[in-house]
Amino acid sequence: MNSDFQTCNLQLKIYLEEQEEVPYSCLNYIFAEVNYGGRVTDNKDTRLIIALLSRYFNPQVLETKHYKFSESDLYKSPEDLSLSAVKEYIADLPLKDQPEIFGLH
């Protein structure tokens, strides 16, 4: 739901501004088990949410050059992390996301 997404965005902003280091495990827990997982009734679905989010909330995303979010080279962290370069990278992504970005290929 859009309200879940907005809540996650606000919480992410708060945690990143108030913590010296990125609290990856905390963010994974809050998003996967509280915000989104709170609506999930099957424990296997909760495990799936945790697994999917761990691909995005982990130290390698910021530490690894060209971190790949999927098997292909389509979804990866851009080399230049300036705001204009990131916006350009996002603008060049396909309008219809490939299933691989969600681990559903």
PDB file of N, CA and C in Angstrom:
ATOM      1  N   MET A   1       0.840  -1.181   0.000  1.00  0.00           N
ATOM      2  CA  MET A   1       0.000   0.000   0.000  1.00  0.00           C
ATOM      3  C   MET A   1       0.888   1.248   0.000  1.00  0.00           C
ATOM      4  N   ASN A   2       0.368   2.308  -0.533  1.00  0.00           N
ATOM      5  CA  ASN A   2       1.115   3.549  -0.603  1.00  0.00           C
ATOM      6  C   ASN A   2       1.470   4.067   0.798  1.00  0.00           C
ATOM      7  N   SER A   3       0.585   3.868   1.760  1.00  0.00           N
ATOM      8  CA  SER A   3       0.866   4.335   3.121  1.00  0.00           C
ATOM      9  C   SER A   3       2.046   3.578   3.730  1.00  0.00           C
ATOM     10  N   ASP A   4       2.180   2.286   3.423  1.00  0.00           N
ATOM     11  CA  ASP A   4       3.334   1.510   3.893  1.00  0.00           C
ATOM     12  C   ASP A   4       4.622   2.059   3.291  1.00  0.00           C
ATOM     13  N   PHE A   5       4.579   2.360   2.013  1.00  0.00           N
ATOM     14  CA  PHE A   5       5.742   2.892   1.318  1.00  0.00           C
ATOM     15  C   PHE A   5       6.145   4.248   1.917  1.00  0.00           C
ATOM     16  N   GLN A   6       5.177   5.110   2.162  1.00  0.00           N
ATOM     17  CA  GLN A   6       5.460   6.424   2.745  1.00  0.00           C
ATOM     18  C   GLN A   6       6.034   6.285   4.158  1.00  0.00           C
ATOM     19  N   THR A   7       5.503   5.350   4.920  1.00  0.00           N
ATOM     20  CA  THR A   7       6.018   5.099   6.272  1.00  0.00           C
ATOM     21  C   THR A   7       7.469   4.631   6.207  1.00  0.00           C
ATOM     22  N   CYS A   8       7.765   3.720   5.301  1.00  0.00           N
ATOM     23  CA  CYS A   8       9.141   3.227   5.137  1.00  0.00           C
ATOM     24  C   CYS A   8      10.077   4.356   4.734  1.00  0.00           C
ATOM     25  N   ASN A   9       9.647   5.211   3.818  1.00  0.00           N
ATOM     26  CA  ASN A   9      10.481   6.342   3.401  1.00  0.00           C
ATOM     27  C   ASN A   9      10.795   7.258   4.568  1.00  0.00           C
ATOM     28  N   LEU A  10       9.803   7.556   5.377  1.00  0.00           N
ATOM     29  CA  LEU A  10      10.003   8.433   6.537  1.00  0.00           C
ATOM     30  C   LEU A  10      10.929   7.777   7.552  1.00  0.00           C
ATOM     31  N   GLN A  11      10.718   6.506   7.832  1.00  0.00           N
ATOM     32  CA  GLN A  11      11.575   5.801   8.783  1.00  0.00           C
ATOM     33  C   GLN A  11      13.010   5.715   8.275  1.00  0.00           C
ATOM     34  N   LEU A  12      13.179   5.452   6.995  1.00  0.00           N
ATOM     35  CA  LEU A  12      14.517   5.391   6.413  1.00  0.00           C
ATOM     36  C   LEU A  12      15.229   6.732   6.591  1.00  0.00           C
ATOM     37  N   LYS A  13      14.540   7.808   6.301  1.00  0.00           N
ATOM     38  CA  LYS A  13      15.110   9.151   6.459  1.00  0.00           C
ATOM     39  C   LYS A  13      15.526   9.390   7.903  1.00  0.00           C
ATOM     40  N   ILE A  14      14.671   9.047   8.841  1.00  0.00           N
ATOM     41  CA  ILE A  14      14.959   9.258  10.265  1.00  0.00           C
ATOM     42  C   ILE A  14      16.179   8.450  10.693  1.00  0.00           C
ATOM     43  N   TYR A  15      16.203   7.164  10.355  1.00  0.00           N
ATOM     44  CA  TYR A  15      17.328   6.308  10.759  1.00  0.00           C
ATOM     45  C   TYR A  15      18.641   6.762  10.146  1.00  0.00           C
ATOM     46  N   LEU A  16      18.612   7.167   8.885  1.00  0.00           N
ATOM     47  CA  LEU A  16      19.848   7.593   8.244  1.00  0.00           C
ATOM     48  C   LEU A  16      20.356   8.917   8.791  1.00  0.00           C
ATOM     49  N   GLU A  17      19.459   9.797   9.189  1.00  0.00           N
ATOM     50  CA  GLU A  17      19.875  11.088   9.730  1.00  0.00           C
ATOM     51  C   GLU A  17      20.326  10.995  11.186  1.00  0.00           C
ATOM     52  N   GLU A  18      19.788  10.045  11.945  1.00  0.00           N
ATOM     53  CA  GLU A  18      20.077   9.984  13.373  1.00  0.00           C
ATOM     54  C   GLU A  18      21.176   8.992  13.747  1.00  0.00           C
ATOM     55  N   GLN A  19      21.567   8.113  12.847  1.00  0.00           N
ATOM     56  CA  GLN A  19      22.585   7.103  13.143  1.00  0.00           C
ATOM     57  C   GLN A  19      23.895   7.463  12.450  1.00  0.00           C
ATOM     58  N   GLU A  20      25.006   7.156  13.126  1.00  0.00           N
ATOM     59  CA  GLU A  20      26.311   7.403  12.509  1.00  0.00           C
ATOM     60  C   GLU A  20      26.570   6.405  11.383  1.00  0.00           C
ATOM     61  N   GLU A  21      26.146   5.160  11.569  1.00  0.00           N
ATOM     62  CA  GLU A  21      26.300   4.125  10.555  1.00  0.00           C
ATOM     63  C   GLU A  21      24.914   3.669  10.099  1.00  0.00           C
ATOM     64  N   VAL A  22      24.853   3.139   8.911  1.00  0.00           N
ATOM     65  CA  VAL A  22      23.572   2.651   8.392  1.00  0.00           C
ATOM     66  C   VAL A  22      23.172   1.403   9.179  1.00  0.00           C
ATOM     67  N   PRO A  23      22.012   1.419   9.834  1.00  0.00           N
ATOM     68  CA  PRO A  23      21.567   0.263  10.625  1.00  0.00           C
ATOM     69  C   PRO A  23      20.850  -0.776   9.755  1.00  0.00           C
ATOM     70  N   TYR A  24      21.625  -1.529   8.977  1.00  0.00           N
ATOM     71  CA  TYR A  24      21.047  -2.454   8.003  1.00  0.00           C
ATOM     72  C   TYR A  24      20.092  -3.467   8.636  1.00  0.00           C
ATOM     73  N   SER A  25      20.524  -4.125   9.698  1.00  0.00           N
ATOM     74  CA  SER A  25      19.671  -5.161  10.292  1.00  0.00           C
ATOM     75  C   SER A  25      18.392  -4.550  10.857  1.00  0.00           C
ATOM     76  N   CYS A  26      18.490  -3.377  11.414  1.00  0.00           N
ATOM     77  CA  CYS A  26      17.305  -2.697  11.954  1.00  0.00           C
ATOM     78  C   CYS A  26      16.331  -2.336  10.827  1.00  0.00           C
ATOM     79  N   LEU A  27      16.858  -1.791   9.739  1.00  0.00           N
ATOM     80  CA  LEU A  27      16.004  -1.430   8.605  1.00  0.00           C
ATOM     81  C   LEU A  27      15.342  -2.659   8.011  1.00  0.00           C
ATOM     82  N   ASN A  28      16.115  -3.737   7.870  1.00  0.00           N
ATOM     83  CA  ASN A  28      15.529  -4.979   7.357  1.00  0.00           C
ATOM     84  C   ASN A  28      14.392  -5.457   8.247  1.00  0.00           C
ATOM     85  N   TYR A  29      14.608  -5.422   9.554  1.00  0.00           N
ATOM     86  CA  TYR A  29      13.581  -5.891  10.483  1.00  0.00           C
ATOM     87  C   TYR A  29      12.329  -5.012  10.414  1.00  0.00           C
ATOM     88  N   ILE A  30      12.514  -3.712  10.502  1.00  0.00           N
ATOM     89  CA  ILE A  30      11.362  -2.798  10.511  1.00  0.00           C
ATOM     90  C   ILE A  30      10.554  -2.906   9.222  1.00  0.00           C
ATOM     91  N   PHE A  31      11.240  -2.915   8.084  1.00  0.00           N
ATOM     92  CA  PHE A  31      10.519  -2.948   6.814  1.00  0.00           C
ATOM     93  C   PHE A  31       9.921  -4.317   6.538  1.00  0.00           C
ATOM     94  N   ALA A  32      10.715  -5.367   6.727  1.00  0.00           N
ATOM     95  CA  ALA A  32      10.269  -6.712   6.350  1.00  0.00           C
ATOM     96  C   ALA A  32       9.278  -7.316   7.327  1.00  0.00           C
ATOM     97  N   GLU A  33       9.480  -7.096   8.614  1.00  0.00           N
ATOM     98  CA  GLU A  33       8.642  -7.788   9.591  1.00  0.00           C
ATOM     99  C   GLU A  33       7.583  -6.898  10.241  1.00  0.00           C
ATOM    100  N   VAL A  34       7.798  -5.612  10.251  1.00  0.00           N
ATOM    101  CA  VAL A  34       6.828  -4.722  10.890  1.00  0.00           C
ATOM    102  C   VAL A  34       5.940  -4.048   9.845  1.00  0.00           C
ATOM    103  N   ASN A  35       6.554  -3.224   8.998  1.00  0.00           N
ATOM    104  CA  ASN A  35       5.751  -2.443   8.045  1.00  0.00           C
ATOM    105  C   ASN A  35       5.047  -3.314   7.014  1.00  0.00           C
ATOM    106  N   TYR A  36       5.809  -4.109   6.281  1.00  0.00           N
ATOM    107  CA  TYR A  36       5.201  -4.966   5.266  1.00  0.00           C
ATOM    108  C   TYR A  36       4.815  -6.319   5.844  1.00  0.00           C
ATOM    109  N   GLY A  37       5.683  -6.874   6.662  1.00  0.00           N
ATOM    110  CA  GLY A  37       5.422  -8.188   7.241  1.00  0.00           C
ATOM    111  C   GLY A  37       4.236  -8.221   8.179  1.00  0.00           C
ATOM    112  N   GLY A  38       3.848  -7.086   8.726  1.00  0.00           N
ATOM    113  CA  GLY A  38       2.696  -7.035   9.612  1.00  0.00           C
ATOM    114  C   GLY A  38       1.399  -7.420   8.922  1.00  0.00           C
ATOM    115  N   ARG A  39       1.381  -7.350   7.618  1.00  0.00           N
ATOM    116  CA  ARG A  39       0.189  -7.702   6.840  1.00  0.00           C
ATOM    117  C   ARG A  39       0.257  -9.137   6.321  1.00  0.00           C
ATOM    118  N   VAL A  40       1.398  -9.774   6.503  1.00  0.00           N
ATOM    119  CA  VAL A  40       1.619 -11.113   5.963  1.00  0.00           C
ATOM    120  C   VAL A  40       1.273 -12.145   7.029  1.00  0.00           C
ATOM    121  N   THR A  41       0.509 -13.146   6.654  1.00  0.00           N
ATOM    122  CA  THR A  41       0.090 -14.155   7.627  1.00  0.00           C
ATOM    123  C   THR A  41       0.858 -15.463   7.509  1.00  0.00           C
ATOM    124  N   ASP A  42       1.565 -15.663   6.403  1.00  0.00           N
ATOM    125  CA  ASP A  42       2.316 -16.896   6.190  1.00  0.00           C
ATOM    126  C   ASP A  42       3.785 -16.654   6.518  1.00  0.00           C
ATOM    127  N   ASN A  43       4.367 -17.466   7.408  1.00  0.00           N
ATOM    128  CA  ASN A  43       5.753 -17.239   7.818  1.00  0.00           C
ATOM    129  C   ASN A  43       6.739 -17.429   6.664  1.00  0.00           C
ATOM    130  N   LYS A  44       6.380 -18.206   5.670  1.00  0.00           N
ATOM    131  CA  LYS A  44       7.256 -18.369   4.499  1.00  0.00           C
ATOM    132  C   LYS A  44       7.266 -17.091   3.661  1.00  0.00           C
ATOM    133  N   ASP A  45       6.150 -16.410   3.590  1.00  0.00           N
ATOM    134  CA  ASP A  45       6.107 -15.131   2.880  1.00  0.00           C
ATOM    135  C   ASP A  45       6.939 -14.085   3.610  1.00  0.00           C
ATOM    136  N   THR A  46       6.905 -14.111   4.925  1.00  0.00           N
ATOM    137  CA  THR A  46       7.734 -13.188   5.704  1.00  0.00           C
ATOM    138  C   THR A  46       9.205 -13.454   5.429  1.00  0.00           C
ATOM    139  N   ARG A  47       9.596 -14.724   5.379  1.00  0.00           N
ATOM    140  CA  ARG A  47      10.979 -15.078   5.068  1.00  0.00           C
ATOM    141  C   ARG A  47      11.364 -14.592   3.674  1.00  0.00           C
ATOM    142  N   LEU A  48      10.435 -14.666   2.728  1.00  0.00           N
ATOM    143  CA  LEU A  48      10.693 -14.186   1.382  1.00  0.00           C
ATOM    144  C   LEU A  48      10.925 -12.676   1.379  1.00  0.00           C
ATOM    145  N   ILE A  49      10.107 -11.936   2.095  1.00  0.00           N
ATOM    146  CA  ILE A  49      10.269 -10.485   2.178  1.00  0.00           C
ATOM    147  C   ILE A  49      11.639 -10.149   2.761  1.00  0.00           C
ATOM    148  N   ILE A  50      12.025 -10.850   3.823  1.00  0.00           N
ATOM    149  CA  ILE A  50      13.326 -10.617   4.451  1.00  0.00           C
ATOM    150  C   ILE A  50      14.445 -10.888   3.452  1.00  0.00           C
ATOM    151  N   ALA A  51      14.349 -11.986   2.705  1.00  0.00           N
ATOM    152  CA  ALA A  51      15.376 -12.349   1.725  1.00  0.00           C
ATOM    153  C   ALA A  51      15.469 -11.314   0.605  1.00  0.00           C
ATOM    154  N   LEU A  52      14.327 -10.862   0.114  1.00  0.00           N
ATOM    155  CA  LEU A  52      14.337  -9.869  -0.957  1.00  0.00           C
ATOM    156  C   LEU A  52      14.932  -8.545  -0.488  1.00  0.00           C
ATOM    157  N   LEU A  53      14.530  -8.084   0.678  1.00  0.00           N
ATOM    158  CA  LEU A  53      15.044  -6.805   1.173  1.00  0.00           C
ATOM    159  C   LEU A  53      16.525  -6.866   1.513  1.00  0.00           C
ATOM    160  N   SER A  54      17.017  -8.032   1.894  1.00  0.00           N
ATOM    161  CA  SER A  54      18.436  -8.138   2.246  1.00  0.00           C
ATOM    162  C   SER A  54      19.334  -7.893   1.030  1.00  0.00           C
ATOM    163  N   ARG A  55      18.797  -8.025  -0.160  1.00  0.00           N
ATOM    164  CA  ARG A  55      19.559  -7.706  -1.373  1.00  0.00           C
ATOM    165  C   ARG A  55      19.748  -6.206  -1.531  1.00  0.00           C
ATOM    166  N   TYR A  56      18.892  -5.415  -0.903  1.00  0.00           N
ATOM    167  CA  TYR A  56      18.943  -3.965  -1.047  1.00  0.00           C
ATOM    168  C   TYR A  56      19.502  -3.272   0.200  1.00  0.00           C
ATOM    169  N   PHE A  57      19.240  -3.832   1.362  1.00  0.00           N
ATOM    170  CA  PHE A  57      19.747  -3.262   2.617  1.00  0.00           C
ATOM    171  C   PHE A  57      20.914  -4.099   3.113  1.00  0.00           C
ATOM    172  N   ASN A  58      22.088  -3.818   2.596  1.00  0.00           N
ATOM    173  CA  ASN A  58      23.298  -4.494   3.047  1.00  0.00           C
ATOM    174  C   ASN A  58      24.491  -3.589   2.758  1.00  0.00           C
ATOM    175  N   PRO A  59      25.566  -3.747   3.500  1.00  0.00           N
ATOM    176  CA  PRO A  59      26.723  -2.851   3.340  1.00  0.00           C
ATOM    177  C   PRO A  59      27.352  -2.884   1.947  1.00  0.00           C
ATOM    178  N   GLN A  60      27.255  -4.004   1.252  1.00  0.00           N
ATOM    179  CA  GLN A  60      27.870  -4.109  -0.065  1.00  0.00           C
ATOM    180  C   GLN A  60      27.273  -3.121  -1.074  1.00  0.00           C
ATOM    181  N   VAL A  61      26.053  -2.707  -0.852  1.00  0.00           N
ATOM    182  CA  VAL A  61      25.422  -1.753  -1.770  1.00  0.00           C
ATOM    183  C   VAL A  61      26.248  -0.471  -1.856  1.00  0.00           C
ATOM    184  N   LEU A  62      26.763  -0.020  -0.727  1.00  0.00           N
ATOM    185  CA  LEU A  62      27.550   1.214  -0.706  1.00  0.00           C
ATOM    186  C   LEU A  62      29.051   0.968  -0.833  1.00  0.00           C
ATOM    187  N   GLU A  63      29.498  -0.235  -0.491  1.00  0.00           N
ATOM    188  CA  GLU A  63      30.932  -0.515  -0.475  1.00  0.00           C
ATOM    189  C   GLU A  63      31.443  -1.142  -1.765  1.00  0.00           C
ATOM    190  N   THR A  64      30.598  -1.811  -2.493  1.00  0.00           N
ATOM    191  CA  THR A  64      31.013  -2.514  -3.703  1.00  0.00           C
ATOM    192  C   THR A  64      30.759  -1.639  -4.923  1.00  0.00           C
ATOM    193  N   LYS A  65      31.799  -1.462  -5.714  1.00  0.00           N
ATOM    194  CA  LYS A  65      31.629  -0.683  -6.939  1.00  0.00           C
ATOM    195  C   LYS A  65      30.777  -1.498  -7.900  1.00  0.00           C
ATOM    196  N   HIS A  66      29.786  -0.898  -8.455  1.00  0.00           N
ATOM    197  CA  HIS A  66      28.866  -1.559  -9.396  1.00  0.00           C
ATOM    198  C   HIS A  66      28.129  -2.724  -8.739  1.00  0.00           C
ATOM    199  N   TYR A  67      27.607  -2.523  -7.553  1.00  0.00           N
ATOM    200  CA  TYR A  67      26.826  -3.573  -6.896  1.00  0.00           C
ATOM    201  C   TYR A  67      25.654  -3.938  -7.791  1.00  0.00           C
ATOM    202  N   LYS A  68      25.479  -5.233  -8.039  1.00  0.00           N
ATOM    203  CA  LYS A  68      24.397  -5.702  -8.903  1.00  0.00           C
ATOM    204  C   LYS A  68      23.173  -6.065  -8.061  1.00  0.00           C
ATOM    205  N   PHE A  69      22.047  -5.501  -8.433  1.00  0.00           N
ATOM    206  CA  PHE A  69      20.790  -5.831  -7.780  1.00  0.00           C
ATOM    207  C   PHE A  69      20.108  -7.012  -8.454  1.00  0.00           C
ATOM    208  N   SER A  70      20.633  -7.407  -9.598  1.00  0.00           N
ATOM    209  CA  SER A  70      20.095  -8.556 -10.319  1.00  0.00           C
ATOM    210  C   SER A  70      21.230  -9.214 -11.088  1.00  0.00           C
ATOM    211  N   GLU A  71      20.934 -10.337 -11.716  1.00  0.00           N
ATOM    212  CA  GLU A  71      21.941 -11.109 -12.446  1.00  0.00           C
ATOM    213  C   GLU A  71      22.503 -10.342 -13.653  1.00  0.00           C
ATOM    214  N   SER A  72      21.663  -9.596 -14.311  1.00  0.00           N
ATOM    215  CA  SER A  72      22.116  -8.863 -15.499  1.00  0.00           C
ATOM    216  C   SER A  72      22.828  -7.578 -15.079  1.00  0.00           C
ATOM    217  N   ASP A  73      23.340  -6.882 -16.047  1.00  0.00           N
ATOM    218  CA  ASP A  73      23.988  -5.592 -15.776  1.00  0.00           C
ATOM    219  C   ASP A  73      22.998  -4.434 -15.821  1.00  0.00           C
ATOM    220  N   LEU A  74      21.730  -4.737 -15.973  1.00  0.00           N
ATOM    221  CA  LEU A  74      20.731  -3.680 -16.097  1.00  0.00           C
ATOM    222  C   LEU A  74      20.511  -2.941 -14.782  1.00  0.00           C
ATOM    223  N   TYR A  75      20.402  -3.675 -13.694  1.00  0.00           N
ATOM    224  CA  TYR A  75      20.108  -3.073 -12.395  1.00  0.00           C
ATOM    225  C   TYR A  75      21.347  -3.169 -11.512  1.00  0.00           C
ATOM    226  N   LYS A  76      22.054  -2.061 -11.395  1.00  0.00           N
ATOM    227  CA  LYS A  76      23.278  -2.021 -10.593  1.00  0.00           C
ATOM    228  C   LYS A  76      23.451  -0.610 -10.060  1.00  0.00           C
ATOM    229  N   SER A  77      24.339  -0.456  -9.108  1.00  0.00           N
ATOM    230  CA  SER A  77      24.602   0.893  -8.604  1.00  0.00           C
ATOM    231  C   SER A  77      25.441   1.632  -9.645  1.00  0.00           C
ATOM    232  N   PRO A  78      25.096   2.881  -9.921  1.00  0.00           N
ATOM    233  CA  PRO A  78      25.846   3.630 -10.932  1.00  0.00           C
ATOM    234  C   PRO A  78      27.260   3.956 -10.443  1.00  0.00           C
ATOM    235  N   GLU A  79      28.167   4.074 -11.391  1.00  0.00           N
ATOM    236  CA  GLU A  79      29.555   4.385 -11.043  1.00  0.00           C
ATOM    237  C   GLU A  79      29.646   5.780 -10.426  1.00  0.00           C
ATOM    238  N   ASP A  80      29.000   6.734 -11.049  1.00  0.00           N
ATOM    239  CA  ASP A  80      28.993   8.114 -10.567  1.00  0.00           C
ATOM    240  C   ASP A  80      27.775   8.291  -9.671  1.00  0.00           C
ATOM    241  N   LEU A  81      27.998   8.609  -8.407  1.00  0.00           N
ATOM    242  CA  LEU A  81      26.891   8.731  -7.458  1.00  0.00           C
ATOM    243  C   LEU A  81      26.449  10.173  -7.229  1.00  0.00           C
ATOM    244  N   SER A  82      26.834  11.069  -8.116  1.00  0.00           N
ATOM    245  CA  SER A  82      26.330  12.438  -7.999  1.00  0.00           C
ATOM    246  C   SER A  82      24.831  12.415  -8.310  1.00  0.00           C
ATOM    247  N   LEU A  83      24.121  13.381  -7.783  1.00  0.00           N
ATOM    248  CA  LEU A  83      22.670  13.417  -7.952  1.00  0.00           C
ATOM    249  C   LEU A  83      22.275  13.430  -9.423  1.00  0.00           C
ATOM    250  N   SER A  84      22.951  14.225 -10.223  1.00  0.00           N
ATOM    251  CA  SER A  84      22.588  14.308 -11.646  1.00  0.00           C
ATOM    252  C   SER A  84      22.861  12.987 -12.365  1.00  0.00           C
ATOM    253  N   ALA A  85      23.964  12.315 -12.034  1.00  0.00           N
ATOM    254  CA  ALA A  85      24.285  11.036 -12.672  1.00  0.00           C
ATOM    255  C   ALA A  85      23.298   9.951 -12.263  1.00  0.00           C
ATOM    256  N   VAL A  86      22.895   9.939 -11.008  1.00  0.00           N
ATOM    257  CA  VAL A  86      21.924   8.943 -10.542  1.00  0.00           C
ATOM    258  C   VAL A  86      20.574   9.187 -11.210  1.00  0.00           C
ATOM    259  N   LYS A  87      20.176  10.437 -11.319  1.00  0.00           N
ATOM    260  CA  LYS A  87      18.919  10.754 -12.004  1.00  0.00           C
ATOM    261  C   LYS A  87      18.963  10.313 -13.465  1.00  0.00           C
ATOM    262  N   GLU A  88      20.096  10.520 -14.102  1.00  0.00           N
ATOM    263  CA  GLU A  88      20.253  10.094 -15.501  1.00  0.00           C
ATOM    264  C   GLU A  88      20.182   8.573 -15.618  1.00  0.00           C
ATOM    265  N   TYR A  89      20.830   7.874 -14.694  1.00  0.00           N
ATOM    266  CA  TYR A  89      20.784   6.409 -14.698  1.00  0.00           C
ATOM    267  C   TYR A  89      19.342   5.924 -14.539  1.00  0.00           C
ATOM    268  N   ILE A  90      18.620   6.512 -13.606  1.00  0.00           N
ATOM    269  CA  ILE A  90      17.228   6.122 -13.369  1.00  0.00           C
ATOM    270  C   ILE A  90      16.366   6.407 -14.597  1.00  0.00           C
ATOM    271  N   ALA A  91      16.596   7.548 -15.233  1.00  0.00           N
ATOM    272  CA  ALA A  91      15.824   7.903 -16.428  1.00  0.00           C
ATOM    273  C   ALA A  91      16.060   6.919 -17.567  1.00  0.00           C
ATOM    274  N   ASP A  92      17.234   6.299 -17.596  1.00  0.00           N
ATOM    275  CA  ASP A  92      17.555   5.345 -18.658  1.00  0.00           C
ATOM    276  C   ASP A  92      17.038   3.930 -18.387  1.00  0.00           C
ATOM    277  N   LEU A  93      16.527   3.677 -17.191  1.00  0.00           N
ATOM    278  CA  LEU A  93      15.980   2.351 -16.887  1.00  0.00           C
ATOM    279  C   LEU A  93      14.692   2.138 -17.672  1.00  0.00           C
ATOM    280  N   PRO A  94      14.349   0.892 -17.969  1.00  0.00           N
ATOM    281  CA  PRO A  94      13.108   0.635 -18.717  1.00  0.00           C
ATOM    282  C   PRO A  94      11.872   1.082 -17.928  1.00  0.00           C
ATOM    283  N   LEU A  95      10.859   1.516 -18.646  1.00  0.00           N
ATOM    284  CA  LEU A  95       9.622   1.941 -17.986  1.00  0.00           C
ATOM    285  C   LEU A  95       8.916   0.771 -17.316  1.00  0.00           C
ATOM    286  N   LYS A  96       9.026  -0.401 -17.927  1.00  0.00           N
ATOM    287  CA  LYS A  96       8.451  -1.606 -17.328  1.00  0.00           C
ATOM    288  C   LYS A  96       9.597  -2.406 -16.726  1.00  0.00           C
ATOM    289  N   ASP A  97       9.598  -2.557 -15.401  1.00  0.00           N
ATOM    290  CA  ASP A  97      10.660  -3.284 -14.731  1.00  0.00           C
ATOM    291  C   ASP A  97      10.653  -4.751 -15.126  1.00  0.00           C
ATOM    292  N   GLN A  98      11.842  -5.288 -15.294  1.00  0.00           N
ATOM    293  CA  GLN A  98      11.999  -6.711 -15.565  1.00  0.00           C
ATOM    294  C   GLN A  98      11.787  -7.483 -14.264  1.00  0.00           C
ATOM    295  N   PRO A  99      11.220  -8.684 -14.321  1.00  0.00           N
ATOM    296  CA  PRO A  99      10.979  -9.473 -13.100  1.00  0.00           C
ATOM    297  C   PRO A  99      12.241  -9.760 -12.293  1.00  0.00           C
ATOM    298  N   GLU A 100      13.408  -9.759 -12.963  1.00  0.00           N
ATOM    299  CA  GLU A 100      14.653 -10.087 -12.279  1.00  0.00           C
ATOM    300  C   GLU A 100      14.973  -9.114 -11.144  1.00  0.00           C
ATOM    301  N   ILE A 101      14.549  -7.869 -11.251  1.00  0.00           N
ATOM    302  CA  ILE A 101      14.861  -6.902 -10.197  1.00  0.00           C
ATOM    303  C   ILE A 101      14.150  -7.260  -8.888  1.00  0.00           C
ATOM    304  N   PHE A 102      13.070  -7.993  -9.001  1.00  0.00           N
ATOM    305  CA  PHE A 102      12.326  -8.417  -7.814  1.00  0.00           C
ATOM    306  C   PHE A 102      12.627  -9.856  -7.416  1.00  0.00           C
ATOM    307  N   GLY A 103      13.594 -10.473  -8.107  1.00  0.00           N
ATOM    308  CA  GLY A 103      13.936 -11.862  -7.819  1.00  0.00           C
ATOM    309  C   GLY A 103      12.864 -12.835  -8.286  1.00  0.00           C
ATOM    310  N   LEU A 104      12.074 -12.434  -9.271  1.00  0.00           N
ATOM    311  CA  LEU A 104      10.941 -13.251  -9.708  1.00  0.00           C
ATOM    312  C   LEU A 104      11.137 -13.815 -11.112  1.00  0.00           C
ATOM    313  N   HIS A 105      12.372 -13.881 -11.592  1.00  0.00           N
ATOM    314  CA  HIS A 105      12.634 -14.413 -12.929  1.00  0.00           C
ATOM    315  C   HIS A 105      12.854 -15.913 -12.877  1.00  0.00           C
TER     316      HIS A 105
END
